[in-house]
Amino acid sequence: MATIGLAATMLAACGSQEAAPDQNAASGDSGGDGAKTYAMVFKNTGNPYGEKMMDGFEEAIKEAGGEVILRAPDQPTAEGQIQIVEQLITQKVDSILITGNDIDALQPVLKKAMDAGIKVLSADAAVNPQSRLVHVNQADPELIGRTQIQAVSEMINGEGQIAVLSATSQASNQNLWIEWMKKELEKPEYDKVELVKVAYGDDLRDKSTSETEALLLQYPDLKAIVSPTTVGIAAAGKVLTDKGLEGKIALTGLGLPSEMATYIENGVSPAMFLWNPIDVGYGAGMTAVALVEGEITGKLGEKFEAGRLGEKEIVEDGEGTQVMLGEPFRFDKENIAEWKEVY
């Protein structure tokens, strides 16, 4: 339980126009009384997971005495995030935390930010190592991917067609989790489990709903949907509930307990997983503070105090480095009543 932030406080894995540069600033401005300014750029507005991450980030920065800027484009696109980052560079913020909508497309503008002396880091959905100093990872990507396949196979008794409802096709975290899902499916015990499609709802409720309905029409023998995105799994839960498919098509993935409680309690989703998104934002905020204060540089082996999360160490992440926060946690009928009131 401690891995998702239970330990001391019980809390304390996205329209056609992008948000204008002066929109979506949730709080703060640069340069207040010499305080350091920390910006967070999430994937898109109206995303409950992102809102919880922002809450945690703001908590950490205020605890450290800094100024907070919270931003997100209207739609989950790299272009919208680039526009926001350009403005933050002009504002001369001290740090930018970004949850990337594209692993590579943001590199030029983030490199520009770093060249301007801004400490850049990513969290949740990584940007490539050349685009940031360090990444803050909510949980081990391999465990996230494999755990979801293990769970869905159990739900369908090891036999039948399954589909994945992801966020955007460019989301680095989603793609990495799906890679590990596919690796897990290579094991002999999953010979009778068939992954028929990976669909993309773009972390938009309406599109995720449409993609779920399309999966049901396209694959009449579908036995389960795995949705490793809080927006997608909630949309799929509503579709399956509205169609009376509880007990017929299983649903699992990554969801917010408050949004998924109904679907767990009615049997549509026997179980799902997540970590504490508030802790992800808080941990990323504390990492940003450590970078700005010169306590770390993002190099392998460095350690720092991450507030109520305790000491954290920078570990390997492919060609870059990362801070690993914990493991995915299972929510089911046994514990959802407790957690739905928490986040």
Protein backbone atom coordinates (compact mmCIF):
# COMPACT_ATOMS: atom_id res chain seq x y z
CA MET A 1 0.00 0.00 0.00
CA ALA A 2 2.92 2.31 0.67
CA THR A 3 3.89 2.16 -2.98
CA ILE A 4 0.89 4.30 -3.89
CA GLY A 5 1.17 6.74 -1.09
CA LEU A 6 -0.91 5.09 1.62
CA ALA A 7 1.71 5.19 4.33
CA ALA A 8 1.25 8.32 6.36
CA THR A 9 -1.65 10.19 4.93
CA MET A 10 -3.90 8.00 2.73
CA LEU A 11 -3.25 10.59 0.02
CA ALA A 12 -1.41 13.45 1.71
CA ALA A 13 -0.82 4.86 -14.66
CA CYS A 14 -4.98 12.86 -22.62
CA GLY A 15 -11.97 20.65 -30.56
CA SER A 16 -9.81 21.29 -33.25
CA GLN A 17 -8.26 24.41 -31.72
CA GLU A 18 -5.47 24.38 -29.15
CA ALA A 19 -5.74 26.46 -26.01
CA ALA A 20 -4.47 30.00 -26.44
CA PRO A 21 -1.20 30.73 -24.61
CA ASP A 22 -2.92 32.69 -21.85
CA GLN A 23 -5.54 30.03 -21.11
CA ASN A 24 -5.55 27.14 -18.65
CA ALA A 25 -3.13 28.69 -16.13
CA ALA A 26 -4.49 27.20 -12.95
CA SER A 27 -2.40 29.19 -10.52
CA GLY A 28 0.75 31.20 -10.08
CA ASP A 29 2.82 33.50 -12.18
CA SER A 30 6.55 33.95 -12.64
CA GLY A 31 8.81 35.92 -10.41
CA GLY A 32 6.74 36.34 -7.23
CA ASP A 33 9.05 37.98 -4.61
CA GLY A 34 12.08 36.15 -5.96
CA ALA A 35 10.47 32.73 -5.46
CA LYS A 36 11.33 30.03 -8.01
CA THR A 37 8.65 29.36 -10.59
CA TYR A 38 7.67 25.81 -11.49
CA ALA A 39 5.41 25.00 -14.44
CA MET A 40 3.57 21.78 -15.18
CA VAL A 41 2.19 21.04 -18.65
CA PHE A 42 -0.26 18.12 -18.79
CA LYS A 43 -1.64 16.38 -21.90
CA ASN A 44 -5.01 18.13 -22.13
CA THR A 45 -7.67 19.86 -20.10
CA GLY A 46 -10.64 18.04 -18.54
CA ASN A 47 -8.63 14.91 -17.71
CA PRO A 48 -9.37 13.75 -14.12
CA TYR A 49 -6.05 11.93 -13.84
CA GLY A 50 -4.20 15.07 -14.93
CA GLU A 51 -6.13 17.19 -12.47
CA LYS A 52 -5.05 14.90 -9.63
CA MET A 53 -1.44 15.04 -10.84
CA MET A 54 -1.63 18.82 -10.85
CA ASP A 55 -2.95 18.78 -7.27
CA GLY A 56 0.08 16.79 -6.16
CA PHE A 57 2.50 18.97 -8.12
CA GLU A 58 1.05 22.13 -6.61
CA GLU A 59 1.26 20.62 -3.13
CA ALA A 60 4.97 19.88 -3.56
CA ILE A 61 5.88 23.28 -4.99
CA LYS A 62 3.98 25.22 -2.34
CA GLU A 63 5.61 23.07 0.33
CA ALA A 64 8.97 24.14 -1.10
CA GLY A 65 7.94 27.82 -1.19
CA GLY A 66 7.78 28.12 -4.96
CA GLU A 67 5.32 29.65 -7.42
CA VAL A 68 3.15 27.29 -9.49
CA ILE A 69 1.92 27.47 -13.09
CA LEU A 70 -0.42 24.70 -14.30
CA ARG A 71 -1.10 24.45 -18.03
CA ALA A 72 -2.62 22.09 -20.62
CA PRO A 73 -3.86 22.41 -24.21
CA ASP A 74 -7.51 21.80 -25.02
CA GLN A 75 -6.62 18.73 -27.10
CA PRO A 76 -3.93 16.07 -26.42
CA THR A 77 -1.51 17.15 -29.16
CA ALA A 78 2.18 17.96 -29.25
CA GLU A 79 1.38 21.19 -31.09
CA GLY A 80 -0.70 22.46 -28.20
CA GLN A 81 2.03 21.66 -25.70
CA ILE A 82 4.69 23.30 -27.87
CA GLN A 83 2.69 26.52 -27.88
CA ILE A 84 2.49 26.49 -24.08
CA VAL A 85 6.19 25.68 -23.61
CA GLU A 86 7.15 28.57 -25.91
CA GLN A 87 5.25 30.94 -23.65
CA LEU A 88 6.80 29.47 -20.52
CA ILE A 89 10.26 30.07 -22.00
CA THR A 90 9.29 33.71 -22.55
CA GLN A 91 8.12 33.88 -18.94
CA LYS A 92 11.55 32.62 -17.84
CA VAL A 93 10.22 29.98 -15.49
CA ASP A 94 12.77 27.99 -13.52
CA SER A 95 11.43 24.52 -14.31
CA ILE A 96 9.01 22.82 -16.70
CA LEU A 97 7.45 19.45 -15.94
CA ILE A 98 5.73 17.93 -18.98
CA THR A 99 3.57 14.87 -19.55
CA GLY A 100 4.34 14.39 -23.20
CA ASN A 101 1.80 13.92 -25.95
CA ASP A 102 4.58 12.80 -28.29
CA ILE A 103 7.91 11.31 -27.33
CA ASP A 104 9.92 13.06 -30.07
CA ALA A 105 7.94 16.03 -31.43
CA LEU A 106 8.54 18.11 -28.30
CA GLN A 107 12.32 17.79 -28.45
CA PRO A 108 13.14 21.08 -30.27
CA VAL A 109 11.10 23.28 -27.94
CA LEU A 110 12.22 21.45 -24.78
CA LYS A 111 15.85 21.68 -25.91
CA LYS A 112 15.26 25.40 -26.40
CA ALA A 113 13.97 25.60 -22.85
CA MET A 114 17.00 23.79 -21.45
CA ASP A 115 19.34 26.02 -23.47
CA ALA A 116 17.62 28.95 -21.75
CA GLY A 117 18.58 27.51 -18.36
CA ILE A 118 15.19 25.99 -17.54
CA LYS A 119 15.22 22.62 -15.76
CA VAL A 120 13.07 20.28 -17.86
CA LEU A 121 11.73 16.96 -16.69
CA SER A 122 8.89 14.65 -17.71
CA ALA A 123 6.47 12.51 -15.71
CA ASP A 124 3.87 9.84 -16.47
CA ALA A 125 4.35 9.98 -20.27
CA ALA A 126 8.02 10.46 -21.06
CA VAL A 127 9.69 12.58 -23.70
CA ASN A 128 12.94 11.31 -25.17
CA PRO A 129 16.10 11.58 -23.05
CA GLN A 130 17.50 14.43 -25.17
CA SER A 131 14.41 16.46 -24.25
CA ARG A 132 14.71 16.31 -20.45
CA LEU A 133 17.06 15.90 -17.50
CA VAL A 134 15.13 13.07 -15.84
CA HIS A 135 11.79 11.27 -16.05
CA VAL A 136 9.49 10.56 -13.10
CA ASN A 137 7.86 7.17 -13.63
CA GLN A 138 4.70 6.24 -11.77
CA ALA A 139 5.52 2.51 -11.74
CA ASP A 140 7.61 -0.12 -13.50
CA PRO A 141 6.37 -0.20 -17.13
CA GLU A 142 7.01 -3.94 -17.40
CA LEU A 143 4.93 -4.68 -14.31
CA ILE A 144 2.13 -2.41 -15.56
CA GLY A 145 1.91 -4.19 -18.89
CA ARG A 146 2.30 -7.75 -17.68
CA THR A 147 -0.06 -7.28 -14.72
CA GLN A 148 -2.94 -6.20 -16.96
CA ILE A 149 -2.57 -9.27 -19.19
CA GLN A 150 -2.36 -11.58 -16.20
CA ALA A 151 -5.55 -10.04 -14.83
CA VAL A 152 -7.54 -10.13 -18.05
CA SER A 153 -6.52 -13.73 -18.75
CA GLU A 154 -7.82 -14.71 -15.32
CA MET A 155 -11.10 -12.89 -16.02
CA ILE A 156 -11.73 -14.82 -19.25
CA ASN A 157 -10.38 -18.15 -17.98
CA GLY A 158 -7.39 -17.99 -20.31
CA GLU A 159 -9.34 -18.13 -23.53
CA GLY A 160 -10.88 -15.65 -26.00
CA GLN A 161 -10.44 -12.43 -27.92
CA ILE A 162 -9.27 -9.27 -26.17
CA ALA A 163 -8.78 -5.71 -27.38
CA VAL A 164 -6.81 -2.76 -26.03
CA LEU A 165 -8.32 0.72 -25.83
CA SER A 166 -5.36 3.08 -25.50
CA ALA A 167 -4.95 6.86 -25.37
CA THR A 168 -3.12 8.41 -28.34
CA SER A 169 -0.94 6.41 -30.71
CA GLN A 170 2.00 8.69 -29.82
CA ALA A 171 1.71 8.34 -26.01
CA SER A 172 5.07 6.89 -24.92
CA ASN A 173 3.81 5.44 -21.66
CA GLN A 174 0.81 3.72 -23.28
CA ASN A 175 2.96 2.31 -26.09
CA LEU A 176 5.53 0.93 -23.68
CA TRP A 177 2.86 -0.73 -21.54
CA ILE A 178 1.28 -2.27 -24.65
CA GLU A 179 4.69 -3.61 -25.73
CA TRP A 180 4.97 -5.39 -22.39
CA MET A 181 1.40 -6.68 -22.77
CA LYS A 182 2.38 -8.24 -26.08
CA LYS A 183 5.53 -9.75 -24.56
CA GLU A 184 3.46 -11.28 -21.76
CA LEU A 185 1.06 -12.72 -24.36
CA GLU A 186 3.98 -14.60 -25.95
CA LYS A 187 4.04 -16.97 -22.97
CA PRO A 188 2.58 -20.46 -23.62
CA GLU A 189 -0.15 -20.02 -21.02
CA TYR A 190 -1.78 -17.37 -23.23
CA ASP A 191 -1.96 -19.51 -26.39
CA LYS A 192 -5.74 -19.25 -26.38
CA VAL A 193 -5.84 -15.50 -25.73
CA GLU A 194 -5.97 -13.45 -28.94
CA LEU A 195 -5.25 -9.71 -29.05
CA VAL A 196 -7.43 -8.64 -31.98
CA LYS A 197 -6.90 -4.87 -31.99
CA VAL A 198 -5.31 -1.85 -30.33
CA ALA A 199 -7.74 1.07 -30.62
CA TYR A 200 -7.04 4.69 -29.75
CA GLY A 201 -9.50 6.96 -27.95
CA ASP A 202 -7.03 9.86 -27.72
CA ASP A 203 -7.85 10.30 -24.01
CA LEU A 204 -11.11 11.95 -25.06
CA ARG A 205 -14.34 10.64 -23.52
CA ASP A 206 -16.45 10.84 -26.69
CA LYS A 207 -13.86 9.21 -28.93
CA SER A 208 -13.13 6.51 -26.37
CA THR A 209 -16.86 5.78 -26.23
CA SER A 210 -17.05 5.55 -30.03
CA GLU A 211 -13.99 3.28 -30.18
CA THR A 212 -15.50 0.97 -27.56
CA GLU A 213 -18.74 0.72 -29.50
CA ALA A 214 -16.78 0.02 -32.69
CA LEU A 215 -14.88 -2.80 -31.00
CA LEU A 216 -18.15 -4.42 -29.93
CA LEU A 217 -19.49 -4.26 -33.49
CA GLN A 218 -16.29 -5.38 -35.17
CA TYR A 219 -15.60 -8.28 -32.82
CA PRO A 220 -18.87 -9.93 -31.74
CA ASP A 221 -16.90 -12.67 -29.93
CA LEU A 222 -14.86 -10.20 -27.90
CA LYS A 223 -14.35 -11.39 -24.32
CA ALA A 224 -12.52 -8.46 -22.72
CA ILE A 225 -11.20 -4.93 -23.11
CA VAL A 226 -7.97 -3.71 -21.54
CA SER A 227 -7.78 0.08 -21.30
CA PRO A 228 -4.54 1.44 -19.79
CA THR A 229 -5.92 4.98 -19.58
CA THR A 230 -8.25 6.48 -16.99
CA VAL A 231 -10.39 8.23 -19.61
CA GLY A 232 -10.69 5.15 -21.82
CA ILE A 233 -11.53 2.66 -19.10
CA ALA A 234 -14.28 4.89 -17.66
CA ALA A 235 -15.79 5.40 -21.12
CA ALA A 236 -15.68 1.67 -21.82
CA GLY A 237 -17.24 0.95 -18.43
CA LYS A 238 -20.22 3.14 -19.25
CA VAL A 239 -20.72 1.57 -22.69
CA LEU A 240 -20.63 -1.98 -21.29
CA THR A 241 -22.98 -1.01 -18.46
CA ASP A 242 -25.45 0.74 -20.77
CA LYS A 243 -25.51 -2.32 -23.03
CA GLY A 244 -26.00 -4.73 -20.12
CA LEU A 245 -22.79 -6.62 -20.88
CA GLU A 246 -21.60 -7.16 -17.31
CA GLY A 247 -20.42 -10.75 -16.96
CA LYS A 248 -20.20 -11.10 -20.74
CA ILE A 249 -17.32 -8.79 -21.63
CA ALA A 250 -14.73 -8.13 -18.93
CA LEU A 251 -13.02 -4.78 -18.47
CA THR A 252 -9.69 -4.00 -16.83
CA GLY A 253 -6.88 -1.50 -17.17
CA LEU A 254 -5.85 1.67 -15.37
CA GLY A 255 -8.59 3.79 -13.79
CA LEU A 256 -9.41 6.26 -11.06
CA PRO A 257 -11.23 4.53 -8.16
CA SER A 258 -13.77 7.36 -7.90
CA GLU A 259 -14.69 6.96 -11.58
CA MET A 260 -14.54 3.17 -11.72
CA ALA A 261 -16.34 2.28 -8.47
CA THR A 262 -19.72 1.90 -10.20
CA TYR A 263 -18.30 -0.46 -12.83
CA ILE A 264 -16.41 -2.54 -10.29
CA GLU A 265 -19.43 -2.78 -8.02
CA ASN A 266 -21.79 -3.77 -10.87
CA GLY A 267 -19.38 -6.44 -12.16
CA VAL A 268 -18.43 -4.84 -15.49
CA SER A 269 -14.83 -4.51 -14.28
CA PRO A 270 -13.83 -7.35 -11.94
CA ALA A 271 -10.61 -5.48 -11.14
CA MET A 272 -8.46 -2.63 -12.39
CA PHE A 273 -5.18 -0.99 -11.45
CA LEU A 274 -3.54 2.36 -10.83
CA TRP A 275 -1.18 4.24 -8.58
CA ASN A 276 -1.81 7.46 -6.73
CA PRO A 277 -1.76 10.25 -9.37
CA ILE A 278 -1.48 12.85 -6.61
CA ASP A 279 1.75 11.17 -5.51
CA VAL A 280 2.99 11.11 -9.12
CA GLY A 281 2.52 14.88 -9.35
CA TYR A 282 3.96 15.40 -5.87
CA GLY A 283 7.02 13.26 -6.62
CA ALA A 284 7.57 15.09 -9.90
CA GLY A 285 7.25 18.43 -8.11
CA MET A 286 9.84 17.43 -5.51
CA THR A 287 12.14 16.23 -8.31
CA ALA A 288 11.77 19.60 -10.04
CA VAL A 289 12.65 21.40 -6.81
CA ALA A 290 15.75 19.23 -6.36
CA LEU A 291 16.86 20.05 -9.91
CA VAL A 292 16.32 23.79 -9.52
CA GLU A 293 18.05 23.87 -6.13
CA GLY A 294 21.04 21.98 -7.52
CA GLU A 295 20.58 18.95 -5.26
CA ILE A 296 20.55 16.70 -8.33
CA THR A 297 21.38 17.02 -12.01
CA GLY A 298 19.53 13.97 -13.30
CA LYS A 299 22.58 11.68 -13.30
CA LEU A 300 22.43 7.99 -12.47
CA GLY A 301 22.80 7.19 -8.78
CA GLU A 302 21.94 10.62 -7.39
CA LYS A 303 19.62 10.67 -4.36
CA PHE A 304 17.35 13.32 -2.91
CA GLU A 305 14.58 13.77 -0.35
CA ALA A 306 11.13 13.79 -1.98
CA GLY A 307 9.14 15.19 0.94
CA ARG A 308 6.55 12.76 2.31
CA LEU A 309 7.59 10.14 -0.28
CA GLY A 310 10.99 9.79 1.37
CA GLU A 311 14.37 9.40 -0.28
CA LYS A 312 14.42 8.69 -4.00
CA GLU A 313 17.26 7.54 -6.22
CA ILE A 314 17.78 8.26 -9.90
CA VAL A 315 17.97 5.00 -11.84
CA GLU A 316 18.48 3.92 -15.44
CA ASP A 317 15.85 4.51 -18.12
CA GLY A 318 17.20 3.31 -21.45
CA GLU A 319 19.42 6.11 -22.72
CA GLY A 320 18.24 8.43 -19.96
CA THR A 321 17.43 8.35 -16.26
CA GLN A 322 14.29 8.18 -14.16
CA VAL A 323 12.84 8.28 -10.67
CA MET A 324 10.69 5.18 -10.03
CA LEU A 325 7.81 5.75 -7.62
CA GLY A 326 6.20 2.35 -7.06
CA GLU A 327 4.11 -0.57 -8.38
CA PRO A 328 0.57 -0.78 -9.79
CA PHE A 329 -2.11 -1.42 -7.16
CA ARG A 330 -5.17 -3.64 -7.68
CA PHE A 331 -8.68 -2.30 -7.04
CA ASP A 332 -11.64 -4.72 -6.82
CA LYS A 333 -14.86 -5.24 -4.89
CA GLU A 334 -12.91 -5.92 -1.71
CA ASN A 335 -11.38 -2.45 -1.48
CA ILE A 336 -13.09 -0.08 -3.92
CA ALA A 337 -15.55 1.28 -1.34
CA GLU A 338 -12.59 2.56 0.69
CA TRP A 339 -10.68 4.03 -2.24
CA LYS A 340 -13.50 5.64 -4.20
CA GLU A 341 -13.71 8.31 -1.51
CA VAL A 342 -9.97 9.02 -1.71
CA TYR A 343 -9.31 9.83 -5.37
